[in-house]
Amino acid sequence: MRLRRHRQRAPRAQTAPAWAPGISILIPEWDNAGELAACLDGVREAAREWTEPIEIVVVVNGSPESDYAALRRAHPEAGWQFHARPLGFTGAIRAGLRTVRHDWVYLLNSDVVLERAALGELALLRRGGTFSIASQIVLKDTTRFRDETNWGALLVEDGLATIHDWIPQTTQPVPAFYAGGGASLFRTSLLRTLANPRVYDPFYWEDVEWGWRARKLGYDSWFCPASVAHHTQRSTIGRHYSSENVDRIVSRNRWLFQLRNFTTAGSLERLMEEIAGAPDEVGDHFLNAATRWGIARGRWWNHVAPVTDEEVLAGWARQA
């Protein structure tokens, strides 16, 4: 029997509630106290330009509390959480989301430093139908090619989900497919429903899924070039994972994203070819019962979502 698409399960963005003034800044941190010091200094400067209520929450995970005693004294305005074990990126975000109190939350990596006007520029783009607003990322190492800007685009190339960071040519806000989780503002209530720490552990591609699913619910995302954040690439991840391991995780989670979210888009045959040629540990991940169950649940969510794959991709093509 053919399944009938159910289009009324979730509300469309047009029914999104209004929000109260204020912003929460949520900073996940793991073993990078030196960069966190500069990050918090940048937040303090940006907060001077902010006229609404503001809170700062630092989620330290996998590092001893004693390493942060000096920072806590220097930044009494921040709230701190300490977790003995590493939680992964989304796990740390989930822990912070349990306590933040404002309707919009800015996710900020601990190795990112905001420019003074960064928060104020984003605030102007909050709308009823908006899920996320990305700051422009500028690499601290100015000698590197700008392969990371936070202007996130999703494409289907040769049947496979592919993401790119486009280089902005204007200071005006432009549509984005998704906002990166390291320097972007999100609608708190929706992010709480989308951030699942069990899926993309320990990192990468979770924010692409957030953007995809927000679009499936009728929300949009924006990129704000005038909001600038300076980033040290992989300064935390590089302490604990080899570059080869990071690349494997990125590929694995890319394929996982497609299996969970593309119900009619892309090529399942091409995807299976990629997985079949991957290292054994990657293939084993997809054979794991918990992974298969998560894929099944993800596909069902997308099947009953109010917007189809084709509508998401066509809408994005018109914006891009």
C-alpha atoms as a PDB file:
ATOM      1  CA  MET A   1       0.000   0.000   0.000  1.00  0.00           C
ATOM      2  CA  ARG A   2       1.390   3.398  -0.968  1.00  0.00           C
ATOM      3  CA  LEU A   3       1.845   5.849   1.899  1.00  0.00           C
ATOM      4  CA  ARG A   4      -0.101   9.075   1.621  1.00  0.00           C
ATOM      5  CA  ARG A   5       1.784  12.257   2.502  1.00  0.00           C
ATOM      6  CA  HIS A   6       0.320  13.903   5.580  1.00  0.00           C
ATOM      7  CA  ARG A   7       0.768  17.668   5.286  1.00  0.00           C
ATOM      8  CA  GLN A   8      -0.760  18.905   8.534  1.00  0.00           C
ATOM      9  CA  ARG A   9       1.481  17.318  11.129  1.00  0.00           C
ATOM     10  CA  ALA A  10       3.591  20.379  11.891  1.00  0.00           C
ATOM     11  CA  PRO A  11       2.740  24.103  11.782  1.00  0.00           C
ATOM     12  CA  ARG A  12       4.112  26.249   8.979  1.00  0.00           C
ATOM     13  CA  ALA A  13       6.303  29.231   9.749  1.00  0.00           C
ATOM     14  CA  GLN A  14       3.435  31.655   9.185  1.00  0.00           C
ATOM     15  CA  THR A  15       2.056  30.608  12.585  1.00  0.00           C
ATOM     16  CA  ALA A  16       5.356  31.182  14.400  1.00  0.00           C
ATOM     17  CA  PRO A  17       4.827  33.117  17.631  1.00  0.00           C
ATOM     18  CA  ALA A  18       6.227  36.573  18.259  1.00  0.00           C
ATOM     19  CA  TRP A  19       9.323  36.836  20.410  1.00  0.00           C
ATOM     20  CA  ALA A  20      10.315  38.928  23.385  1.00  0.00           C
ATOM     21  CA  PRO A  21      13.399  41.172  23.238  1.00  0.00           C
ATOM     22  CA  GLY A  22      16.644  39.553  24.346  1.00  0.00           C
ATOM     23  CA  ILE A  23      19.371  37.199  23.249  1.00  0.00           C
ATOM     24  CA  SER A  24      21.185  34.242  24.801  1.00  0.00           C
ATOM     25  CA  ILE A  25      24.773  33.533  23.781  1.00  0.00           C
ATOM     26  CA  LEU A  26      25.632  29.849  24.108  1.00  0.00           C
ATOM     27  CA  ILE A  27      29.303  28.820  23.947  1.00  0.00           C
ATOM     28  CA  PRO A  28      30.270  25.116  23.935  1.00  0.00           C
ATOM     29  CA  GLU A  29      33.839  24.668  25.190  1.00  0.00           C
ATOM     30  CA  TRP A  30      36.229  21.707  25.335  1.00  0.00           C
ATOM     31  CA  ASP A  31      39.894  22.056  26.311  1.00  0.00           C
ATOM     32  CA  ASN A  32      40.470  25.423  24.646  1.00  0.00           C
ATOM     33  CA  ALA A  33      40.564  27.934  27.492  1.00  0.00           C
ATOM     34  CA  GLY A  34      43.083  30.173  25.738  1.00  0.00           C
ATOM     35  CA  GLU A  35      40.835  30.803  22.740  1.00  0.00           C
ATOM     36  CA  LEU A  36      37.793  31.042  25.034  1.00  0.00           C
ATOM     37  CA  ALA A  37      39.387  34.014  26.803  1.00  0.00           C
ATOM     38  CA  ALA A  38      39.514  35.981  23.549  1.00  0.00           C
ATOM     39  CA  CYS A  39      35.991  34.782  22.674  1.00  0.00           C
ATOM     40  CA  LEU A  40      34.537  36.110  25.938  1.00  0.00           C
ATOM     41  CA  ASP A  41      36.389  39.408  25.540  1.00  0.00           C
ATOM     42  CA  GLY A  42      34.782  39.760  22.110  1.00  0.00           C
ATOM     43  CA  VAL A  43      31.343  38.964  23.500  1.00  0.00           C
ATOM     44  CA  ARG A  44      31.805  41.618  26.176  1.00  0.00           C
ATOM     45  CA  GLU A  45      32.627  44.226  23.531  1.00  0.00           C
ATOM     46  CA  ALA A  46      29.707  43.196  21.314  1.00  0.00           C
ATOM     47  CA  ALA A  47      27.383  43.340  24.328  1.00  0.00           C
ATOM     48  CA  ARG A  48      28.238  47.027  24.757  1.00  0.00           C
ATOM     49  CA  GLU A  49      26.400  47.667  21.466  1.00  0.00           C
ATOM     50  CA  TRP A  50      23.384  45.562  22.517  1.00  0.00           C
ATOM     51  CA  THR A  51      20.364  47.345  24.016  1.00  0.00           C
ATOM     52  CA  GLU A  52      18.143  44.332  24.841  1.00  0.00           C
ATOM     53  CA  PRO A  53      18.532  41.831  27.702  1.00  0.00           C
ATOM     54  CA  ILE A  54      21.444  39.448  27.205  1.00  0.00           C
ATOM     55  CA  GLU A  55      22.761  36.319  28.893  1.00  0.00           C
ATOM     56  CA  ILE A  56      25.949  34.320  28.301  1.00  0.00           C
ATOM     57  CA  VAL A  57      26.117  30.581  28.966  1.00  0.00           C
ATOM     58  CA  VAL A  58      29.393  28.646  28.681  1.00  0.00           C
ATOM     59  CA  VAL A  59      29.084  24.851  28.539  1.00  0.00           C
ATOM     60  CA  VAL A  60      32.437  23.341  29.484  1.00  0.00           C
ATOM     61  CA  ASN A  61      32.515  19.614  28.748  1.00  0.00           C
ATOM     62  CA  GLY A  62      35.404  17.182  29.028  1.00  0.00           C
ATOM     63  CA  SER A  63      37.689  19.659  30.804  1.00  0.00           C
ATOM     64  CA  PRO A  64      38.335  20.149  34.543  1.00  0.00           C
ATOM     65  CA  GLU A  65      36.527  23.029  36.203  1.00  0.00           C
ATOM     66  CA  SER A  66      39.788  24.200  37.791  1.00  0.00           C
ATOM     67  CA  ASP A  67      41.139  25.206  34.345  1.00  0.00           C
ATOM     68  CA  TYR A  68      38.543  27.981  34.161  1.00  0.00           C
ATOM     69  CA  ALA A  69      38.870  29.621  37.575  1.00  0.00           C
ATOM     70  CA  ALA A  70      40.625  32.710  36.225  1.00  0.00           C
ATOM     71  CA  LEU A  71      38.152  33.093  33.354  1.00  0.00           C
ATOM     72  CA  ARG A  72      35.198  32.830  35.720  1.00  0.00           C
ATOM     73  CA  ARG A  73      36.638  35.633  37.831  1.00  0.00           C
ATOM     74  CA  ALA A  74      37.295  37.751  34.740  1.00  0.00           C
ATOM     75  CA  HIS A  75      33.775  37.200  33.375  1.00  0.00           C
ATOM     76  CA  PRO A  76      31.293  37.139  36.253  1.00  0.00           C
ATOM     77  CA  GLU A  77      28.554  38.126  33.804  1.00  0.00           C
ATOM     78  CA  ALA A  78      28.635  34.624  32.272  1.00  0.00           C
ATOM     79  CA  GLY A  79      26.829  31.544  33.543  1.00  0.00           C
ATOM     80  CA  TRP A  80      28.882  28.354  33.546  1.00  0.00           C
ATOM     81  CA  GLN A  81      28.060  24.663  33.203  1.00  0.00           C
ATOM     82  CA  PHE A  82      30.626  21.929  33.786  1.00  0.00           C
ATOM     83  CA  HIS A  83      30.289  18.364  32.500  1.00  0.00           C
ATOM     84  CA  ALA A  84      32.972  15.805  33.255  1.00  0.00           C
ATOM     85  CA  ARG A  85      32.884  14.027  29.898  1.00  0.00           C
ATOM     86  CA  PRO A  86      32.910  15.411  26.338  1.00  0.00           C
ATOM     87  CA  LEU A  87      29.326  15.774  25.129  1.00  0.00           C
ATOM     88  CA  GLY A  88      29.974  16.303  21.436  1.00  0.00           C
ATOM     89  CA  PHE A  89      28.913  19.508  19.713  1.00  0.00           C
ATOM     90  CA  THR A  90      25.152  18.973  19.738  1.00  0.00           C
ATOM     91  CA  GLY A  91      25.273  17.419  23.203  1.00  0.00           C
ATOM     92  CA  ALA A  92      26.873  20.572  24.585  1.00  0.00           C
ATOM     93  CA  ILE A  93      24.328  22.702  22.735  1.00  0.00           C
ATOM     94  CA  ARG A  94      21.453  20.658  24.164  1.00  0.00           C
ATOM     95  CA  ALA A  95      22.835  21.051  27.672  1.00  0.00           C
ATOM     96  CA  GLY A  96      22.928  24.822  27.252  1.00  0.00           C
ATOM     97  CA  LEU A  97      19.508  25.028  25.633  1.00  0.00           C
ATOM     98  CA  ARG A  98      17.965  23.563  28.778  1.00  0.00           C
ATOM     99  CA  THR A  99      18.810  26.731  30.690  1.00  0.00           C
ATOM    100  CA  VAL A 100      18.808  29.654  28.214  1.00  0.00           C
ATOM    101  CA  ARG A 101      15.865  31.959  28.741  1.00  0.00           C
ATOM    102  CA  HIS A 102      15.598  34.140  25.623  1.00  0.00           C
ATOM    103  CA  ASP A 103      13.678  33.484  22.411  1.00  0.00           C
ATOM    104  CA  TRP A 104      16.796  33.834  20.243  1.00  0.00           C
ATOM    105  CA  VAL A 105      20.087  32.073  20.945  1.00  0.00           C
ATOM    106  CA  TYR A 106      23.451  32.804  19.355  1.00  0.00           C
ATOM    107  CA  LEU A 107      25.632  29.689  19.071  1.00  0.00           C
ATOM    108  CA  LEU A 108      29.265  30.707  19.333  1.00  0.00           C
ATOM    109  CA  ASN A 109      32.297  28.433  19.119  1.00  0.00           C
ATOM    110  CA  SER A 110      34.887  29.113  21.798  1.00  0.00           C
ATOM    111  CA  ASP A 111      37.525  29.780  19.103  1.00  0.00           C
ATOM    112  CA  VAL A 112      35.483  32.589  17.498  1.00  0.00           C
ATOM    113  CA  VAL A 113      35.820  36.309  18.279  1.00  0.00           C
ATOM    114  CA  LEU A 114      32.954  38.658  17.446  1.00  0.00           C
ATOM    115  CA  GLU A 115      33.412  42.141  16.100  1.00  0.00           C
ATOM    116  CA  ARG A 116      31.733  44.847  18.138  1.00  0.00           C
ATOM    117  CA  ALA A 117      28.741  45.329  15.792  1.00  0.00           C
ATOM    118  CA  ALA A 118      28.154  41.613  15.183  1.00  0.00           C
ATOM    119  CA  LEU A 119      25.096  41.108  17.397  1.00  0.00           C
ATOM    120  CA  GLY A 120      23.356  44.359  16.531  1.00  0.00           C
ATOM    121  CA  GLU A 121      23.523  43.656  12.802  1.00  0.00           C
ATOM    122  CA  LEU A 122      21.869  40.253  13.265  1.00  0.00           C
ATOM    123  CA  ALA A 123      19.071  41.611  15.416  1.00  0.00           C
ATOM    124  CA  LEU A 124      17.645  43.598  12.526  1.00  0.00           C
ATOM    125  CA  LEU A 125      16.875  40.398  10.586  1.00  0.00           C
ATOM    126  CA  ARG A 126      14.681  38.649  13.166  1.00  0.00           C
ATOM    127  CA  ARG A 127      11.350  37.839  11.524  1.00  0.00           C
ATOM    128  CA  GLY A 128       8.370  35.613  12.211  1.00  0.00           C
ATOM    129  CA  GLY A 129       9.308  33.170   9.450  1.00  0.00           C
ATOM    130  CA  THR A 130      13.056  33.114  10.126  1.00  0.00           C
ATOM    131  CA  PHE A 131      14.844  30.235  11.822  1.00  0.00           C
ATOM    132  CA  SER A 132      18.504  31.308  11.671  1.00  0.00           C
ATOM    133  CA  ILE A 133      20.795  34.209  10.780  1.00  0.00           C
ATOM    134  CA  ALA A 134      24.479  33.516  10.126  1.00  0.00           C
ATOM    135  CA  SER A 135      27.346  35.893  10.838  1.00  0.00           C
ATOM    136  CA  GLN A 136      30.087  36.196   8.259  1.00  0.00           C
ATOM    137  CA  ILE A 137      33.137  34.182   9.317  1.00  0.00           C
ATOM    138  CA  VAL A 138      36.570  35.568   8.549  1.00  0.00           C
ATOM    139  CA  LEU A 139      39.523  33.285   9.189  1.00  0.00           C
ATOM    140  CA  LYS A 140      42.019  34.536  11.736  1.00  0.00           C
ATOM    141  CA  ASP A 141      44.736  33.089   9.496  1.00  0.00           C
ATOM    142  CA  THR A 142      44.430  35.544   6.621  1.00  0.00           C
ATOM    143  CA  THR A 143      46.896  33.577   4.477  1.00  0.00           C
ATOM    144  CA  ARG A 144      44.389  30.719   4.021  1.00  0.00           C
ATOM    145  CA  PHE A 145      41.836  30.459   1.238  1.00  0.00           C
ATOM    146  CA  ARG A 146      38.361  31.383   2.481  1.00  0.00           C
ATOM    147  CA  ASP A 147      36.809  27.937   2.411  1.00  0.00           C
ATOM    148  CA  GLU A 148      34.685  28.935   5.425  1.00  0.00           C
ATOM    149  CA  THR A 149      32.470  32.037   5.322  1.00  0.00           C
ATOM    150  CA  ASN A 150      29.265  30.751   7.008  1.00  0.00           C
ATOM    151  CA  TRP A 151      27.187  31.520   3.898  1.00  0.00           C
ATOM    152  CA  GLY A 152      25.944  27.953   3.711  1.00  0.00           C
ATOM    153  CA  ALA A 153      24.588  26.444   0.496  1.00  0.00           C
ATOM    154  CA  LEU A 154      23.268  22.918  -0.044  1.00  0.00           C
ATOM    155  CA  LEU A 155      23.356  21.388  -3.535  1.00  0.00           C
ATOM    156  CA  VAL A 156      22.749  17.957  -5.026  1.00  0.00           C
ATOM    157  CA  GLU A 157      25.763  17.023  -7.159  1.00  0.00           C
ATOM    158  CA  ASP A 158      25.946  13.679  -8.943  1.00  0.00           C
ATOM    159  CA  GLY A 159      23.060  12.508  -6.791  1.00  0.00           C
ATOM    160  CA  LEU A 160      24.776  13.370  -3.495  1.00  0.00           C
ATOM    161  CA  ALA A 161      24.124  16.070  -0.902  1.00  0.00           C
ATOM    162  CA  THR A 162      26.942  18.620  -1.025  1.00  0.00           C
ATOM    163  CA  ILE A 163      27.534  21.796   0.961  1.00  0.00           C
ATOM    164  CA  HIS A 164      29.558  24.863   0.021  1.00  0.00           C
ATOM    165  CA  ASP A 165      30.447  28.124   1.703  1.00  0.00           C
ATOM    166  CA  TRP A 166      30.026  30.937  -0.804  1.00  0.00           C
ATOM    167  CA  ILE A 167      32.192  34.060  -0.606  1.00  0.00           C
ATOM    168  CA  PRO A 168      30.045  37.194  -0.144  1.00  0.00           C
ATOM    169  CA  GLN A 169      30.326  40.051  -2.611  1.00  0.00           C
ATOM    170  CA  THR A 170      28.014  42.421  -0.732  1.00  0.00           C
ATOM    171  CA  THR A 171      27.402  43.682   2.787  1.00  0.00           C
ATOM    172  CA  GLN A 172      23.630  43.269   2.366  1.00  0.00           C
ATOM    173  CA  PRO A 173      21.807  40.277   3.927  1.00  0.00           C
ATOM    174  CA  VAL A 174      21.176  37.380   1.528  1.00  0.00           C
ATOM    175  CA  PRO A 175      19.335  34.051   1.851  1.00  0.00           C
ATOM    176  CA  ALA A 176      21.312  31.045   3.089  1.00  0.00           C
ATOM    177  CA  PHE A 177      20.319  27.413   3.049  1.00  0.00           C
ATOM    178  CA  TYR A 178      21.493  26.918   6.609  1.00  0.00           C
ATOM    179  CA  ALA A 179      23.469  28.718   9.309  1.00  0.00           C
ATOM    180  CA  GLY A 180      26.611  27.168  10.757  1.00  0.00           C
ATOM    181  CA  GLY A 181      26.457  26.277  14.429  1.00  0.00           C
ATOM    182  CA  GLY A 182      29.648  28.164  15.328  1.00  0.00           C
ATOM    183  CA  ALA A 183      28.600  31.783  14.770  1.00  0.00           C
ATOM    184  CA  SER A 184      24.868  32.131  14.115  1.00  0.00           C
ATOM    185  CA  LEU A 185      21.605  33.229  15.694  1.00  0.00           C
ATOM    186  CA  PHE A 186      18.739  30.718  15.987  1.00  0.00           C
ATOM    187  CA  ARG A 187      15.111  30.697  17.049  1.00  0.00           C
ATOM    188  CA  THR A 188      15.445  28.971  20.433  1.00  0.00           C
ATOM    189  CA  SER A 189      12.159  27.076  20.499  1.00  0.00           C
ATOM    190  CA  LEU A 190      12.685  25.485  17.089  1.00  0.00           C
ATOM    191  CA  LEU A 191      16.348  24.702  17.718  1.00  0.00           C
ATOM    192  CA  ARG A 192      15.348  22.813  20.861  1.00  0.00           C
ATOM    193  CA  THR A 193      13.178  20.501  18.755  1.00  0.00           C
ATOM    194  CA  LEU A 194      15.801  19.973  16.034  1.00  0.00           C
ATOM    195  CA  ALA A 195      19.059  19.524  17.975  1.00  0.00           C
ATOM    196  CA  ASN A 196      19.466  15.780  18.584  1.00  0.00           C
ATOM    197  CA  PRO A 197      22.837  14.866  20.175  1.00  0.00           C
ATOM    198  CA  ARG A 198      22.525  11.170  19.315  1.00  0.00           C
ATOM    199  CA  VAL A 199      22.647  11.589  15.539  1.00  0.00           C
ATOM    200  CA  TYR A 200      25.765  13.436  14.340  1.00  0.00           C
ATOM    201  CA  ASP A 201      28.047  12.687  17.239  1.00  0.00           C
ATOM    202  CA  PRO A 202      30.592  14.151  17.736  1.00  0.00           C
ATOM    203  CA  PHE A 203      30.341  16.966  15.142  1.00  0.00           C
ATOM    204  CA  TYR A 204      29.566  18.212  11.598  1.00  0.00           C
ATOM    205  CA  TRP A 205      26.433  18.211   9.418  1.00  0.00           C
ATOM    206  CA  GLU A 206      24.058  18.659  12.356  1.00  0.00           C
ATOM    207  CA  ASP A 207      23.514  22.309  11.426  1.00  0.00           C
ATOM    208  CA  VAL A 208      22.788  21.349   7.807  1.00  0.00           C
ATOM    209  CA  GLU A 209      19.979  19.123   9.077  1.00  0.00           C
ATOM    210  CA  TRP A 210      18.664  21.953  11.234  1.00  0.00           C
ATOM    211  CA  GLY A 211      18.467  24.197   8.173  1.00  0.00           C
ATOM    212  CA  TRP A 212      16.899  21.481   5.999  1.00  0.00           C
ATOM    213  CA  ARG A 213      14.228  20.623   8.545  1.00  0.00           C
ATOM    214  CA  ALA A 214      13.460  24.262   9.283  1.00  0.00           C
ATOM    215  CA  ARG A 215      12.813  24.706   5.561  1.00  0.00           C
ATOM    216  CA  LYS A 216      10.616  21.613   5.630  1.00  0.00           C
ATOM    217  CA  LEU A 217       8.529  23.462   8.213  1.00  0.00           C
ATOM    218  CA  GLY A 218       8.393  26.638   6.126  1.00  0.00           C
ATOM    219  CA  TYR A 219      11.109  28.717   7.816  1.00  0.00           C
ATOM    220  CA  ASP A 220      13.969  30.497   6.076  1.00  0.00           C
ATOM    221  CA  SER A 221      17.604  31.259   6.932  1.00  0.00           C
ATOM    222  CA  TRP A 222      19.744  34.310   6.247  1.00  0.00           C
ATOM    223  CA  PHE A 223      23.390  35.289   5.964  1.00  0.00           C
ATOM    224  CA  CYS A 224      24.377  38.694   7.343  1.00  0.00           C
ATOM    225  CA  PRO A 225      27.782  39.809   5.970  1.00  0.00           C
ATOM    226  CA  ALA A 226      27.839  42.922   8.168  1.00  0.00           C
ATOM    227  CA  SER A 227      27.937  40.715  11.283  1.00  0.00           C
ATOM    228  CA  VAL A 228      31.566  39.577  11.375  1.00  0.00           C
ATOM    229  CA  ALA A 229      33.161  36.815  13.449  1.00  0.00           C
ATOM    230  CA  HIS A 230      36.819  35.747  13.345  1.00  0.00           C
ATOM    231  CA  HIS A 231      37.489  31.999  13.543  1.00  0.00           C
ATOM    232  CA  THR A 232      40.428  29.680  14.141  1.00  0.00           C
ATOM    233  CA  GLN A 233      39.584  26.570  12.116  1.00  0.00           C
ATOM    234  CA  ARG A 234      39.474  23.245  13.993  1.00  0.00           C
ATOM    235  CA  SER A 235      41.430  24.603  16.942  1.00  0.00           C
ATOM    236  CA  THR A 236      39.399  22.477  19.380  1.00  0.00           C
ATOM    237  CA  ILE A 237      38.776  19.451  17.163  1.00  0.00           C
ATOM    238  CA  GLY A 238      42.423  19.354  16.098  1.00  0.00           C
ATOM    239  CA  ARG A 239      43.495  18.787  19.698  1.00  0.00           C
ATOM    240  CA  HIS A 240      41.609  15.509  19.938  1.00  0.00           C
ATOM    241  CA  TYR A 241      41.121  14.138  16.407  1.00  0.00           C
ATOM    242  CA  SER A 242      43.543  13.520  13.568  1.00  0.00           C
ATOM    243  CA  SER A 243      42.756  15.183  10.239  1.00  0.00           C
ATOM    244  CA  GLU A 244      42.140  11.740   8.710  1.00  0.00           C
ATOM    245  CA  ASN A 245      39.598  10.909  11.408  1.00  0.00           C
ATOM    246  CA  VAL A 246      37.880  14.264  10.990  1.00  0.00           C
ATOM    247  CA  ASP A 247      37.589  13.667   7.239  1.00  0.00           C
ATOM    248  CA  ARG A 248      36.020  10.246   7.852  1.00  0.00           C
ATOM    249  CA  ILE A 249      33.498  11.727  10.265  1.00  0.00           C
ATOM    250  CA  VAL A 250      32.608  14.477   7.794  1.00  0.00           C
ATOM    251  CA  SER A 251      32.003  11.961   4.986  1.00  0.00           C
ATOM    252  CA  ARG A 252      30.058   9.602   7.245  1.00  0.00           C
ATOM    253  CA  ASN A 253      27.786  12.368   8.500  1.00  0.00           C
ATOM    254  CA  ARG A 254      27.270  13.710   4.983  1.00  0.00           C
ATOM    255  CA  TRP A 255      25.908  10.329   3.914  1.00  0.00           C
ATOM    256  CA  LEU A 256      23.931  10.040   7.139  1.00  0.00           C
ATOM    257  CA  PHE A 257      22.293  13.391   6.445  1.00  0.00           C
ATOM    258  CA  GLN A 258      21.176  12.226   3.025  1.00  0.00           C
ATOM    259  CA  LEU A 259      19.814   8.918   4.302  1.00  0.00           C
ATOM    260  CA  ARG A 260      17.877  10.628   7.095  1.00  0.00           C
ATOM    261  CA  ASN A 261      16.484  13.550   5.121  1.00  0.00           C
ATOM    262  CA  PHE A 262      16.262  12.887   1.372  1.00  0.00           C
ATOM    263  CA  THR A 263      13.147  10.831   0.746  1.00  0.00           C
ATOM    264  CA  THR A 264      12.855  11.611  -2.975  1.00  0.00           C
ATOM    265  CA  ALA A 265      15.836  13.868  -3.745  1.00  0.00           C
ATOM    266  CA  GLY A 266      19.304  12.646  -4.721  1.00  0.00           C
ATOM    267  CA  SER A 267      20.393   9.173  -5.794  1.00  0.00           C
ATOM    268  CA  LEU A 268      20.210   6.313  -3.307  1.00  0.00           C
ATOM    269  CA  GLU A 269      22.274   4.169  -5.685  1.00  0.00           C
ATOM    270  CA  ARG A 270      25.140   6.687  -5.763  1.00  0.00           C
ATOM    271  CA  LEU A 271      24.962   7.008  -1.998  1.00  0.00           C
ATOM    272  CA  MET A 272      25.242   3.245  -1.504  1.00  0.00           C
ATOM    273  CA  GLU A 273      28.265   3.187  -3.817  1.00  0.00           C
ATOM    274  CA  GLU A 274      29.991   5.798  -1.647  1.00  0.00           C
ATOM    275  CA  ILE A 275      29.266   3.941   1.582  1.00  0.00           C
ATOM    276  CA  ALA A 276      30.379   0.611   0.077  1.00  0.00           C
ATOM    277  CA  GLY A 277      33.774   2.109  -0.766  1.00  0.00           C
ATOM    278  CA  ALA A 278      34.299   3.666   2.674  1.00  0.00           C
ATOM    279  CA  PRO A 279      36.556   2.248   5.426  1.00  0.00           C
ATOM    280  CA  ASP A 280      35.112  -0.625   7.446  1.00  0.00           C
ATOM    281  CA  GLU A 281      34.406   1.480  10.525  1.00  0.00           C
ATOM    282  CA  VAL A 282      32.191   3.765   8.443  1.00  0.00           C
ATOM    283  CA  GLY A 283      30.262   0.848   6.998  1.00  0.00           C
ATOM    284  CA  ASP A 284      29.904  -0.650  10.465  1.00  0.00           C
ATOM    285  CA  HIS A 285      28.341   2.598  11.672  1.00  0.00           C
ATOM    286  CA  PHE A 286      25.544   2.274   9.130  1.00  0.00           C
ATOM    287  CA  LEU A 287      24.966  -1.372  10.093  1.00  0.00           C
ATOM    288  CA  ASN A 288      24.524  -0.426  13.749  1.00  0.00           C
ATOM    289  CA  ALA A 289      20.933  -0.953  14.932  1.00  0.00           C
ATOM    290  CA  ALA A 290      20.702   2.480  16.574  1.00  0.00           C
ATOM    291  CA  THR A 291      21.917   4.180  13.389  1.00  0.00           C
ATOM    292  CA  ARG A 292      19.416   2.289  11.234  1.00  0.00           C
ATOM    293  CA  TRP A 293      16.590   3.159  13.608  1.00  0.00           C
ATOM    294  CA  GLY A 294      17.640   6.820  13.541  1.00  0.00           C
ATOM    295  CA  ILE A 295      17.657   6.774   9.741  1.00  0.00           C
ATOM    296  CA  ALA A 296      14.178   5.241   9.657  1.00  0.00           C
ATOM    297  CA  ARG A 297      12.810   7.835  12.083  1.00  0.00           C
ATOM    298  CA  GLY A 298      14.476  10.648  10.143  1.00  0.00           C
ATOM    299  CA  ARG A 299      12.999   9.495   6.837  1.00  0.00           C
ATOM    300  CA  TRP A 300       9.546   9.222   8.369  1.00  0.00           C
ATOM    301  CA  TRP A 301       9.814  12.755   9.788  1.00  0.00           C
ATOM    302  CA  ASN A 302      10.684  14.036   6.333  1.00  0.00           C
ATOM    303  CA  HIS A 303       7.957  12.001   4.682  1.00  0.00           C
ATOM    304  CA  VAL A 304       5.207  13.570   6.794  1.00  0.00           C
ATOM    305  CA  ALA A 305       6.717  17.086   6.903  1.00  0.00           C
ATOM    306  CA  PRO A 306       4.551  19.874   5.437  1.00  0.00           C
ATOM    307  CA  VAL A 307       7.031  20.600   2.593  1.00  0.00           C
ATOM    308  CA  THR A 308       8.456  18.047   0.134  1.00  0.00           C
ATOM    309  CA  ASP A 309      12.103  17.570  -0.854  1.00  0.00           C
ATOM    310  CA  GLU A 310      11.358  19.050  -4.268  1.00  0.00           C
ATOM    311  CA  GLU A 311       9.719  22.121  -2.759  1.00  0.00           C
ATOM    312  CA  VAL A 312      12.689  22.692  -0.451  1.00  0.00           C
ATOM    313  CA  LEU A 313      15.235  22.443  -3.262  1.00  0.00           C
ATOM    314  CA  ALA A 314      13.148  24.450  -5.709  1.00  0.00           C
ATOM    315  CA  GLY A 315      12.611  27.199  -3.145  1.00  0.00           C
ATOM    316  CA  TRP A 316      16.325  27.338  -2.432  1.00  0.00           C
ATOM    317  CA  ALA A 317      17.136  27.437  -6.180  1.00  0.00           C
ATOM    318  CA  ARG A 318      14.907  30.484  -6.568  1.00  0.00           C
ATOM    319  CA  GLN A 319      16.635  32.242  -3.671  1.00  0.00           C
ATOM    320  CA  ALA A 320      20.153  31.313  -4.747  1.00  0.00           C
END
